[in-house]
Protein backbone atom coordinates (compact mmCIF):
# COMPACT_ATOMS: atom_id res chain seq x y z
CA VAL A 1 0.00 0.00 0.00
CA GLN A 2 1.33 3.42 -0.96
CA LEU A 3 -0.06 6.50 0.76
CA VAL A 4 0.10 10.12 -0.39
CA GLU A 5 -1.11 12.95 1.84
CA SER A 6 -2.23 16.38 0.69
CA GLY A 7 -4.08 19.41 2.00
CA GLY A 8 -1.65 20.78 4.55
CA GLY A 9 -0.77 24.44 4.77
CA LEU A 10 -0.71 27.59 6.85
CA VAL A 11 -3.88 28.67 8.62
CA GLN A 12 -4.75 31.10 11.39
CA ALA A 13 -5.94 29.89 14.75
CA GLY A 14 -9.62 29.07 14.63
CA GLY A 15 -9.45 28.14 10.98
CA SER A 16 -10.00 24.85 9.20
CA LEU A 17 -8.12 22.47 6.94
CA ARG A 18 -8.99 19.21 5.27
CA LEU A 19 -6.27 16.63 4.79
CA SER A 20 -6.57 13.83 2.26
CA CYS A 21 -4.68 10.57 1.98
CA ALA A 22 -4.88 8.69 -1.29
CA ALA A 23 -4.00 5.01 -1.16
CA SER A 24 -2.95 2.66 -3.90
CA GLY A 25 -3.93 -0.98 -4.02
CA ARG A 26 -7.11 -2.94 -4.49
CA THR A 27 -7.52 -3.96 -0.86
CA PHE A 28 -7.87 -0.48 0.62
CA SER A 29 -11.24 -1.34 2.09
CA SER A 30 -9.67 -4.05 4.27
CA TYR A 31 -7.21 -1.65 5.91
CA SER A 32 -7.75 0.37 9.03
CA MET A 33 -6.51 3.92 8.50
CA ALA A 34 -5.13 6.48 10.89
CA TRP A 35 -3.66 9.94 11.18
CA PHE A 36 -0.68 10.70 13.38
CA ARG A 37 1.27 13.90 13.82
CA GLN A 38 4.73 14.90 14.89
CA ALA A 39 5.83 18.32 16.05
CA PRO A 40 9.51 19.33 16.12
CA GLY A 41 11.31 17.76 19.05
CA LYS A 42 8.32 15.64 20.01
CA GLU A 43 7.34 12.03 19.51
CA ARG A 44 4.84 10.99 16.90
CA GLU A 45 1.39 11.06 18.44
CA PHE A 46 -1.94 9.51 17.57
CA VAL A 47 -4.65 11.78 16.17
CA ALA A 48 -7.49 9.61 14.86
CA THR A 49 -8.26 6.23 13.36
CA VAL A 50 -11.11 4.70 11.36
CA SER A 51 -11.89 1.03 10.96
CA TRP A 52 -11.81 -0.74 7.64
CA MET A 53 -15.55 -0.37 7.11
CA GLY A 54 -15.64 3.15 8.52
CA GLY A 55 -18.03 2.30 11.30
CA ASN A 56 -15.66 2.81 14.20
CA THR A 57 -13.58 5.89 14.88
CA ILE A 58 -11.26 6.80 17.74
CA TYR A 59 -9.84 10.24 18.48
CA ALA A 60 -7.13 11.60 20.70
CA ASP A 61 -8.57 13.65 23.53
CA SER A 62 -6.72 16.72 22.25
CA VAL A 63 -8.66 16.75 18.97
CA LYS A 64 -11.98 15.26 20.00
CA GLY A 65 -14.87 17.48 18.92
CA ARG A 66 -12.67 19.45 16.51
CA PHE A 67 -11.34 16.84 14.07
CA THR A 68 -13.30 14.29 12.03
CA ILE A 69 -11.80 11.28 10.27
CA SER A 70 -13.67 9.65 7.41
CA ARG A 71 -12.99 7.40 4.46
CA ASP A 72 -14.32 6.80 1.00
CA ASN A 73 -13.47 3.24 -0.01
CA ALA A 74 -14.68 3.84 -3.57
CA LYS A 75 -12.00 6.53 -3.92
CA ASN A 76 -9.33 4.78 -1.83
CA THR A 77 -9.09 7.94 0.24
CA VAL A 78 -9.17 8.84 3.92
CA TYR A 79 -9.80 12.37 5.14
CA LEU A 80 -9.11 14.42 8.24
CA GLU A 81 -11.36 17.44 8.64
CA MET A 82 -9.75 19.82 11.12
CA ASN A 83 -11.75 22.68 12.62
CA SER A 84 -11.06 25.23 15.35
CA LEU A 85 -7.36 24.77 14.80
CA LYS A 86 -4.95 25.81 17.52
CA PRO A 87 -1.24 26.68 17.37
CA GLU A 88 -0.53 23.45 19.26
CA ASP A 89 -1.94 21.52 16.29
CA THR A 90 1.11 22.58 14.28
CA ALA A 91 2.93 19.44 13.13
CA VAL A 92 3.67 17.17 10.21
CA TYR A 93 0.61 15.00 9.75
CA TYR A 94 1.06 11.42 8.58
CA CYS A 95 -1.42 8.98 7.15
CA ALA A 96 -0.96 5.33 8.12
CA ALA A 97 -2.54 2.00 7.23
CA ARG A 98 -2.66 -1.48 8.65
CA ASN A 99 -4.40 -4.65 7.59
CA GLY A 100 -6.83 -5.45 10.34
CA VAL A 101 -8.17 -3.88 13.50
CA ALA A 102 -7.48 -0.21 14.16
CA TYR A 103 -4.93 0.70 16.81
CA THR A 104 -3.86 4.00 18.33
CA THR A 105 -0.15 3.22 18.59
CA TYR A 106 2.06 4.03 15.63
CA THR A 107 4.14 0.88 15.98
CA ASN A 108 1.11 -1.14 14.82
CA TYR A 109 1.02 0.53 11.41
CA ALA A 110 3.09 -0.89 8.59
CA TYR A 111 2.39 1.65 5.86
CA TRP A 112 3.05 5.38 6.01
CA GLY A 113 2.77 8.42 3.81
CA GLN A 114 5.45 11.07 3.49
CA GLY A 115 3.61 13.56 5.65
CA THR A 116 2.08 16.98 5.10
CA GLN A 117 2.90 20.11 7.10
CA VAL A 118 0.16 21.90 9.01
CA THR A 119 1.06 25.23 10.56
CA VAL A 120 -1.38 27.16 12.71
CA SER A 121 -0.47 30.76 13.47
CA SER A 122 -1.68 32.57 16.55
C-alpha cells in the first residue's frame, strides 16, 4: 500500500483544513486507516483512526470534537477534517494503514505516507 497525503498548509488559529490521503492498491477497504502527527522535538502522536468499514472511529482527547476522520473506499481515500485549529496543532501529519483492527499506537502501522505540514499561526 502506498499513501500520499495532501491538504496541509498555513492557517490562522480558529481556521480549518482538510487533509486527504490517497491510497494505492485494491484492498484499501480491508485496511484500518489512521492519522498521526509529529511536532519538532516531540514524539509521533496519535490523532485519529477509522476502521476498515468506517463504522468505528477513535480520536485523541486533544482533537476530540474538533477533528473528524472519514474514508471513501470507492476513492481509496481517507480524510481528516480539522476545525477550530490551535497553534498546538502545528505538526507534520502522517497517514498510516494497517491490515486489520485499528490501533492507536504508531508501531502497529506498517504503511506510512510522506507527511504533510500543518502550521497554525496565533
